[in-house]
Amino acid sequence: MNPGLRAARPAALIAIVGAESCGKSTLARALTARLRADGLEAVCIDEYLREFCEQHGRTPRPDEQAAIAAEQSRRIAAARQSRLLPVDVVVADTTALMTAVYSELIFDDRSLHEAALAAHRQADLTLLMATDLPWVADGLQRDGPQVRAPVDRLLRGLLLGAGLGFSVIAGQGEARLQAALSAWEAWQRGRSPKPKIRWNHVCGRCGDPACERHGLGQSARM
């Protein structure tokens, strides 16, 4: 690809979101590596919250949530617009939307929703991690398996309420990566000159996320 052309437009953005201990970071790294192996200039943007907790030795206070969300969005935007190292694809290990969800769940604060959704609208493809992996403790990063269901419910509600499509990524091990790659390939097929396809999850007829545990990542046209 011509570097000048590549730098003239933002890189494609794959946003990986989901409840804790659902494999977001593992998938982000694996997907970035696979895209690079396929010849694309891909970068992974890590979760800023993890860096914050490691630096401060604690979880953030309510008044620090907005700055954490803004920094996550800033880092993603900077990577997409990079001129020093033109990038084809940015893989984001969470977006500000996750900070907004936890702010609502833990602090009953919905003030971050608008900005987080506005930033998330820049994503070309959203991968929502299913809650079908065993919960694993990770120091300050995780609150416990009991929060996964409410986080998943709030996240889906925000995405669907804002009309933002997503592909559910489920399965064990390599199956999760393959599901993500399938969603990426489907998004590529929907690009210009055809109108972009917006993706949403499919769960039989009930919409219960538990049903998705039997699939390998399901998506459908909206």
C-alpha atoms as a PDB file:
ATOM      1  CA  MET A   1       0.000   0.000   0.000  1.00  0.00           C
ATOM      2  CA  ASN A   2       1.245   3.507  -0.809  1.00  0.00           C
ATOM      3  CA  PRO A   3       2.328   5.125   2.498  1.00  0.00           C
ATOM      4  CA  GLY A   4       0.995   8.498   1.421  1.00  0.00           C
ATOM      5  CA  LEU A   5      -2.439   7.080   0.716  1.00  0.00           C
ATOM      6  CA  ARG A   6      -2.415   5.064   3.919  1.00  0.00           C
ATOM      7  CA  ALA A   7      -1.569   8.118   6.006  1.00  0.00           C
ATOM      8  CA  ALA A   8      -4.260  10.215   4.328  1.00  0.00           C
ATOM      9  CA  ARG A   9      -7.083   8.349   6.052  1.00  0.00           C
ATOM     10  CA  PRO A  10      -7.506   6.864   9.520  1.00  0.00           C
ATOM     11  CA  ALA A  11      -6.589   3.248  10.030  1.00  0.00           C
ATOM     12  CA  ALA A  12      -9.423   0.748  10.355  1.00  0.00           C
ATOM     13  CA  LEU A  13     -10.430   0.297  13.986  1.00  0.00           C
ATOM     14  CA  ILE A  14     -11.341  -3.037  15.562  1.00  0.00           C
ATOM     15  CA  ALA A  15     -12.749  -2.459  19.053  1.00  0.00           C
ATOM     16  CA  ILE A  16     -12.740  -5.386  21.475  1.00  0.00           C
ATOM     17  CA  VAL A  17     -15.102  -5.017  24.413  1.00  0.00           C
ATOM     18  CA  GLY A  18     -16.661  -7.274  27.009  1.00  0.00           C
ATOM     19  CA  ALA A  19     -16.864  -8.140  30.680  1.00  0.00           C
ATOM     20  CA  GLU A  20     -13.775  -8.968  32.727  1.00  0.00           C
ATOM     21  CA  SER A  21     -11.912 -12.234  32.244  1.00  0.00           C
ATOM     22  CA  CYS A  22     -13.461 -12.831  28.832  1.00  0.00           C
ATOM     23  CA  GLY A  23     -10.227 -12.869  26.836  1.00  0.00           C
ATOM     24  CA  LYS A  24     -10.105  -9.318  25.469  1.00  0.00           C
ATOM     25  CA  SER A  25      -6.361  -8.818  25.896  1.00  0.00           C
ATOM     26  CA  THR A  26      -5.482 -12.296  24.676  1.00  0.00           C
ATOM     27  CA  LEU A  27      -7.587 -11.857  21.563  1.00  0.00           C
ATOM     28  CA  ALA A  28      -6.263  -8.344  20.910  1.00  0.00           C
ATOM     29  CA  ARG A  29      -2.680  -9.589  20.868  1.00  0.00           C
ATOM     30  CA  ALA A  30      -3.457 -12.692  18.823  1.00  0.00           C
ATOM     31  CA  LEU A  31      -5.542 -10.783  16.278  1.00  0.00           C
ATOM     32  CA  THR A  32      -2.874  -8.108  15.865  1.00  0.00           C
ATOM     33  CA  ALA A  33      -0.230 -10.781  15.281  1.00  0.00           C
ATOM     34  CA  ARG A  34      -2.388 -12.538  12.680  1.00  0.00           C
ATOM     35  CA  LEU A  35      -3.120  -9.315  10.798  1.00  0.00           C
ATOM     36  CA  ARG A  36       0.605  -8.541  10.723  1.00  0.00           C
ATOM     37  CA  ALA A  37       1.292 -12.042   9.414  1.00  0.00           C
ATOM     38  CA  ASP A  38      -1.203 -11.287   6.639  1.00  0.00           C
ATOM     39  CA  GLY A  39       0.886  -8.277   5.589  1.00  0.00           C
ATOM     40  CA  LEU A  40      -1.027  -5.484   7.299  1.00  0.00           C
ATOM     41  CA  GLU A  41       0.501  -2.785   9.470  1.00  0.00           C
ATOM     42  CA  ALA A  42      -1.442  -3.504  12.654  1.00  0.00           C
ATOM     43  CA  VAL A  43      -0.993  -2.105  16.157  1.00  0.00           C
ATOM     44  CA  CYS A  44      -2.608  -3.060  19.439  1.00  0.00           C
ATOM     45  CA  ILE A  45      -3.683  -0.363  21.906  1.00  0.00           C
ATOM     46  CA  ASP A  46      -3.637  -1.769  25.420  1.00  0.00           C
ATOM     47  CA  GLU A  47      -6.142  -1.009  28.137  1.00  0.00           C
ATOM     48  CA  TYR A  48      -5.120   2.209  29.890  1.00  0.00           C
ATOM     49  CA  LEU A  49      -6.954   1.215  33.085  1.00  0.00           C
ATOM     50  CA  ARG A  50      -4.435  -1.567  33.674  1.00  0.00           C
ATOM     51  CA  GLU A  51      -1.587   0.919  33.400  1.00  0.00           C
ATOM     52  CA  PHE A  52      -3.368   3.283  35.793  1.00  0.00           C
ATOM     53  CA  CYS A  53      -3.872   0.569  38.423  1.00  0.00           C
ATOM     54  CA  GLU A  54      -0.247  -0.553  38.180  1.00  0.00           C
ATOM     55  CA  GLN A  55       1.038   3.018  38.532  1.00  0.00           C
ATOM     56  CA  HIS A  56      -1.187   3.952  41.475  1.00  0.00           C
ATOM     57  CA  GLY A  57      -1.518   0.588  43.177  1.00  0.00           C
ATOM     58  CA  ARG A  58      -5.289   0.946  43.389  1.00  0.00           C
ATOM     59  CA  THR A  59      -8.438   1.138  41.342  1.00  0.00           C
ATOM     60  CA  PRO A  60      -9.644   4.596  40.242  1.00  0.00           C
ATOM     61  CA  ARG A  61     -11.933   6.858  42.229  1.00  0.00           C
ATOM     62  CA  PRO A  62     -15.228   8.072  40.709  1.00  0.00           C
ATOM     63  CA  ASP A  63     -13.696  11.456  39.857  1.00  0.00           C
ATOM     64  CA  GLU A  64     -10.866   9.769  37.897  1.00  0.00           C
ATOM     65  CA  GLN A  65     -13.068   7.735  35.576  1.00  0.00           C
ATOM     66  CA  ALA A  66     -13.611  10.461  32.972  1.00  0.00           C
ATOM     67  CA  ALA A  67      -9.879  11.067  32.526  1.00  0.00           C
ATOM     68  CA  ILE A  68      -9.234   7.330  32.131  1.00  0.00           C
ATOM     69  CA  ALA A  69     -11.924   7.047  29.462  1.00  0.00           C
ATOM     70  CA  ALA A  70     -10.598  10.120  27.654  1.00  0.00           C
ATOM     71  CA  GLU A  71      -7.037   8.786  27.670  1.00  0.00           C
ATOM     72  CA  GLN A  72      -8.152   5.460  26.223  1.00  0.00           C
ATOM     73  CA  SER A  73      -9.934   7.288  23.395  1.00  0.00           C
ATOM     74  CA  ARG A  74      -6.967   9.618  22.858  1.00  0.00           C
ATOM     75  CA  ARG A  75      -4.523   6.744  22.458  1.00  0.00           C
ATOM     76  CA  ILE A  76      -6.764   4.957  19.987  1.00  0.00           C
ATOM     77  CA  ALA A  77      -7.289   8.117  17.918  1.00  0.00           C
ATOM     78  CA  ALA A  78      -3.567   8.908  17.923  1.00  0.00           C
ATOM     79  CA  ALA A  79      -2.700   5.454  16.624  1.00  0.00           C
ATOM     80  CA  ARG A  80      -5.267   5.724  13.829  1.00  0.00           C
ATOM     81  CA  GLN A  81      -3.940   9.110  12.686  1.00  0.00           C
ATOM     82  CA  SER A  82      -0.224   8.336  13.059  1.00  0.00           C
ATOM     83  CA  ARG A  83       2.004   9.960  10.465  1.00  0.00           C
ATOM     84  CA  LEU A  84       5.322   8.685  11.815  1.00  0.00           C
ATOM     85  CA  LEU A  85       4.298   5.055  11.420  1.00  0.00           C
ATOM     86  CA  PRO A  86       1.322   4.726   9.057  1.00  0.00           C
ATOM     87  CA  VAL A  87      -1.020   1.982  10.245  1.00  0.00           C
ATOM     88  CA  ASP A  88      -3.589  -0.122   8.389  1.00  0.00           C
ATOM     89  CA  VAL A  89      -5.471  -1.516  11.394  1.00  0.00           C
ATOM     90  CA  VAL A  90      -5.724  -0.523  15.047  1.00  0.00           C
ATOM     91  CA  VAL A  91      -6.883  -3.231  17.434  1.00  0.00           C
ATOM     92  CA  ALA A  92      -8.182  -1.678  20.657  1.00  0.00           C
ATOM     93  CA  ASP A  93      -8.133  -3.779  23.818  1.00  0.00           C
ATOM     94  CA  THR A  94     -11.274  -2.095  25.197  1.00  0.00           C
ATOM     95  CA  THR A  95     -12.599   1.403  24.533  1.00  0.00           C
ATOM     96  CA  ALA A  96     -13.924   4.175  26.743  1.00  0.00           C
ATOM     97  CA  LEU A  97     -17.248   2.378  26.623  1.00  0.00           C
ATOM     98  CA  MET A  98     -15.985  -0.116  29.202  1.00  0.00           C
ATOM     99  CA  THR A  99     -15.091   2.691  31.614  1.00  0.00           C
ATOM    100  CA  ALA A 100     -18.570   4.128  31.127  1.00  0.00           C
ATOM    101  CA  VAL A 101     -20.162   0.754  31.872  1.00  0.00           C
ATOM    102  CA  TYR A 102     -18.179   0.245  35.068  1.00  0.00           C
ATOM    103  CA  SER A 103     -18.864   3.823  36.155  1.00  0.00           C
ATOM    104  CA  GLU A 104     -22.562   3.101  35.909  1.00  0.00           C
ATOM    105  CA  LEU A 105     -22.338  -0.298  37.590  1.00  0.00           C
ATOM    106  CA  ILE A 106     -20.020   0.634  40.466  1.00  0.00           C
ATOM    107  CA  PHE A 107     -20.645   4.358  40.999  1.00  0.00           C
ATOM    108  CA  ASP A 108     -24.160   4.737  39.538  1.00  0.00           C
ATOM    109  CA  ASP A 109     -22.684   7.379  37.223  1.00  0.00           C
ATOM    110  CA  ARG A 110     -24.022   7.565  33.673  1.00  0.00           C
ATOM    111  CA  SER A 111     -22.292  10.817  32.784  1.00  0.00           C
ATOM    112  CA  LEU A 112     -19.634   9.089  30.655  1.00  0.00           C
ATOM    113  CA  HIS A 113     -22.079   7.414  28.283  1.00  0.00           C
ATOM    114  CA  GLU A 114     -22.365  10.163  25.681  1.00  0.00           C
ATOM    115  CA  ALA A 115     -18.648  10.744  25.173  1.00  0.00           C
ATOM    116  CA  ALA A 116     -17.854   7.029  25.262  1.00  0.00           C
ATOM    117  CA  LEU A 117     -20.475   6.202  22.648  1.00  0.00           C
ATOM    118  CA  ALA A 118     -19.307   9.079  20.447  1.00  0.00           C
ATOM    119  CA  ALA A 119     -15.762   7.729  20.562  1.00  0.00           C
ATOM    120  CA  HIS A 120     -16.918   4.170  19.969  1.00  0.00           C
ATOM    121  CA  ARG A 121     -18.792   5.205  16.826  1.00  0.00           C
ATOM    122  CA  GLN A 122     -15.375   5.518  15.183  1.00  0.00           C
ATOM    123  CA  ALA A 123     -14.940   1.747  15.364  1.00  0.00           C
ATOM    124  CA  ASP A 124     -15.299  -0.045  12.049  1.00  0.00           C
ATOM    125  CA  LEU A 125     -15.832  -3.402  13.730  1.00  0.00           C
ATOM    126  CA  THR A 126     -16.848  -4.140  17.317  1.00  0.00           C
ATOM    127  CA  LEU A 127     -16.084  -7.557  18.781  1.00  0.00           C
ATOM    128  CA  LEU A 128     -18.086  -8.335  21.910  1.00  0.00           C
ATOM    129  CA  MET A 129     -16.570 -11.117  23.973  1.00  0.00           C
ATOM    130  CA  ALA A 130     -18.966 -13.788  25.191  1.00  0.00           C
ATOM    131  CA  THR A 131     -18.866 -14.758  28.866  1.00  0.00           C
ATOM    132  CA  ASP A 132     -18.093 -18.405  28.139  1.00  0.00           C
ATOM    133  CA  LEU A 133     -14.541 -18.493  29.543  1.00  0.00           C
ATOM    134  CA  PRO A 134     -13.726 -19.429  33.150  1.00  0.00           C
ATOM    135  CA  TRP A 135     -13.241 -16.394  35.397  1.00  0.00           C
ATOM    136  CA  VAL A 136      -9.608 -15.868  36.450  1.00  0.00           C
ATOM    137  CA  ALA A 137      -8.419 -13.421  39.123  1.00  0.00           C
ATOM    138  CA  ASP A 138      -6.100 -10.624  37.960  1.00  0.00           C
ATOM    139  CA  GLY A 139      -5.198  -8.464  40.933  1.00  0.00           C
ATOM    140  CA  LEU A 140      -6.787  -5.015  41.026  1.00  0.00           C
ATOM    141  CA  GLN A 141      -8.180  -5.414  37.537  1.00  0.00           C
ATOM    142  CA  ARG A 142     -11.117  -7.665  38.409  1.00  0.00           C
ATOM    143  CA  ASP A 143     -14.078  -7.473  40.767  1.00  0.00           C
ATOM    144  CA  GLY A 144     -15.292 -11.073  40.588  1.00  0.00           C
ATOM    145  CA  PRO A 145     -17.333 -13.430  38.399  1.00  0.00           C
ATOM    146  CA  GLN A 146     -20.577 -11.978  39.749  1.00  0.00           C
ATOM    147  CA  VAL A 147     -20.096  -8.738  37.801  1.00  0.00           C
ATOM    148  CA  ARG A 148     -19.730 -10.328  34.365  1.00  0.00           C
ATOM    149  CA  ALA A 149     -23.455 -10.762  33.702  1.00  0.00           C
ATOM    150  CA  PRO A 150     -24.464  -7.199  34.671  1.00  0.00           C
ATOM    151  CA  VAL A 151     -21.504  -5.722  32.756  1.00  0.00           C
ATOM    152  CA  ASP A 152     -22.448  -7.743  29.690  1.00  0.00           C
ATOM    153  CA  ARG A 153     -26.071  -6.634  30.006  1.00  0.00           C
ATOM    154  CA  LEU A 154     -25.200  -2.940  30.361  1.00  0.00           C
ATOM    155  CA  LEU A 155     -22.707  -3.080  27.493  1.00  0.00           C
ATOM    156  CA  ARG A 156     -25.170  -4.705  25.119  1.00  0.00           C
ATOM    157  CA  GLY A 157     -27.822  -2.216  26.114  1.00  0.00           C
ATOM    158  CA  LEU A 158     -25.592   0.761  25.344  1.00  0.00           C
ATOM    159  CA  LEU A 159     -24.465  -0.643  21.995  1.00  0.00           C
ATOM    160  CA  LEU A 160     -27.942  -1.625  20.846  1.00  0.00           C
ATOM    161  CA  GLY A 161     -29.521   1.560  22.191  1.00  0.00           C
ATOM    162  CA  ALA A 162     -27.056   3.620  20.168  1.00  0.00           C
ATOM    163  CA  GLY A 163     -27.576   1.524  17.037  1.00  0.00           C
ATOM    164  CA  LEU A 164     -24.003   0.239  17.098  1.00  0.00           C
ATOM    165  CA  GLY A 165     -23.590  -3.210  15.588  1.00  0.00           C
ATOM    166  CA  PHE A 166     -21.283  -5.851  16.989  1.00  0.00           C
ATOM    167  CA  SER A 167     -20.163  -9.432  16.473  1.00  0.00           C
ATOM    168  CA  VAL A 168     -20.184 -11.794  19.442  1.00  0.00           C
ATOM    169  CA  ILE A 169     -16.948 -13.744  19.821  1.00  0.00           C
ATOM    170  CA  ALA A 170     -17.252 -17.075  21.645  1.00  0.00           C
ATOM    171  CA  GLY A 171     -15.454 -20.393  21.832  1.00  0.00           C
ATOM    172  CA  GLN A 172     -12.302 -21.774  23.367  1.00  0.00           C
ATOM    173  CA  GLY A 173      -8.701 -21.170  22.354  1.00  0.00           C
ATOM    174  CA  GLU A 174      -8.094 -20.868  18.621  1.00  0.00           C
ATOM    175  CA  ALA A 175     -11.845 -20.846  17.963  1.00  0.00           C
ATOM    176  CA  ARG A 176     -12.065 -17.353  19.424  1.00  0.00           C
ATOM    177  CA  LEU A 177      -9.394 -16.018  17.082  1.00  0.00           C
ATOM    178  CA  GLN A 178     -11.024 -17.691  14.095  1.00  0.00           C
ATOM    179  CA  ALA A 179     -14.370 -16.121  15.012  1.00  0.00           C
ATOM    180  CA  ALA A 180     -12.728 -12.702  15.167  1.00  0.00           C
ATOM    181  CA  LEU A 181     -11.031 -13.234  11.818  1.00  0.00           C
ATOM    182  CA  SER A 182     -14.357 -14.272  10.288  1.00  0.00           C
ATOM    183  CA  ALA A 183     -15.961 -11.064  11.539  1.00  0.00           C
ATOM    184  CA  TRP A 184     -13.051  -9.030  10.145  1.00  0.00           C
ATOM    185  CA  GLU A 185     -13.314 -10.738   6.760  1.00  0.00           C
ATOM    186  CA  ALA A 186     -17.056 -10.137   6.697  1.00  0.00           C
ATOM    187  CA  TRP A 187     -16.510  -6.443   7.417  1.00  0.00           C
ATOM    188  CA  GLN A 188     -13.975  -6.246   4.594  1.00  0.00           C
ATOM    189  CA  ARG A 189     -16.477  -7.814   2.191  1.00  0.00           C
ATOM    190  CA  GLY A 190     -18.987  -5.156   3.159  1.00  0.00           C
ATOM    191  CA  ARG A 191     -16.699  -2.235   2.370  1.00  0.00           C
ATOM    192  CA  SER A 192     -16.957   0.135  -0.606  1.00  0.00           C
ATOM    193  CA  PRO A 193     -18.160   0.085  -3.335  1.00  0.00           C
ATOM    194  CA  LYS A 194     -21.011  -1.665  -1.509  1.00  0.00           C
ATOM    195  CA  PRO A 195     -22.582   0.027   1.518  1.00  0.00           C
ATOM    196  CA  LYS A 196     -20.872  -0.977   4.752  1.00  0.00           C
ATOM    197  CA  ILE A 197     -22.565  -3.898   6.475  1.00  0.00           C
ATOM    198  CA  ARG A 198     -23.393  -3.290  10.116  1.00  0.00           C
ATOM    199  CA  TRP A 199     -23.084  -6.358  12.261  1.00  0.00           C
ATOM    200  CA  ASN A 200     -25.110  -7.463  15.227  1.00  0.00           C
ATOM    201  CA  HIS A 201     -25.267 -10.541  17.395  1.00  0.00           C
ATOM    202  CA  VAL A 202     -27.625 -13.442  16.769  1.00  0.00           C
ATOM    203  CA  CYS A 203     -28.888 -15.608  19.581  1.00  0.00           C
ATOM    204  CA  GLY A 204     -31.690 -17.787  18.268  1.00  0.00           C
ATOM    205  CA  ARG A 205     -35.007 -16.226  19.142  1.00  0.00           C
ATOM    206  CA  CYS A 206     -34.486 -15.265  22.770  1.00  0.00           C
ATOM    207  CA  GLY A 207     -31.504 -12.876  22.819  1.00  0.00           C
ATOM    208  CA  ASP A 208     -30.042 -14.654  25.852  1.00  0.00           C
ATOM    209  CA  PRO A 209     -26.227 -14.332  25.793  1.00  0.00           C
ATOM    210  CA  ALA A 210     -25.964 -17.799  27.340  1.00  0.00           C
ATOM    211  CA  CYS A 211     -27.182 -19.262  24.055  1.00  0.00           C
ATOM    212  CA  GLU A 212     -24.147 -17.831  22.301  1.00  0.00           C
ATOM    213  CA  ARG A 213     -21.899 -20.169  24.265  1.00  0.00           C
ATOM    214  CA  HIS A 214     -22.796 -22.892  21.815  1.00  0.00           C
ATOM    215  CA  GLY A 215     -21.490 -20.925  18.828  1.00  0.00           C
ATOM    216  CA  LEU A 216     -18.112 -19.694  17.669  1.00  0.00           C
ATOM    217  CA  GLY A 217     -19.068 -16.078  17.283  1.00  0.00           C
ATOM    218  CA  GLN A 218     -22.255 -15.196  15.486  1.00  0.00           C
ATOM    219  CA  SER A 219     -23.189 -12.132  13.505  1.00  0.00           C
ATOM    220  CA  ALA A 220     -25.871 -10.973  11.143  1.00  0.00           C
ATOM    221  CA  ARG A 221     -26.786  -8.024   8.990  1.00  0.00           C
ATOM    222  CA  MET A 222     -28.905  -5.361  10.621  1.00  0.00           C
END
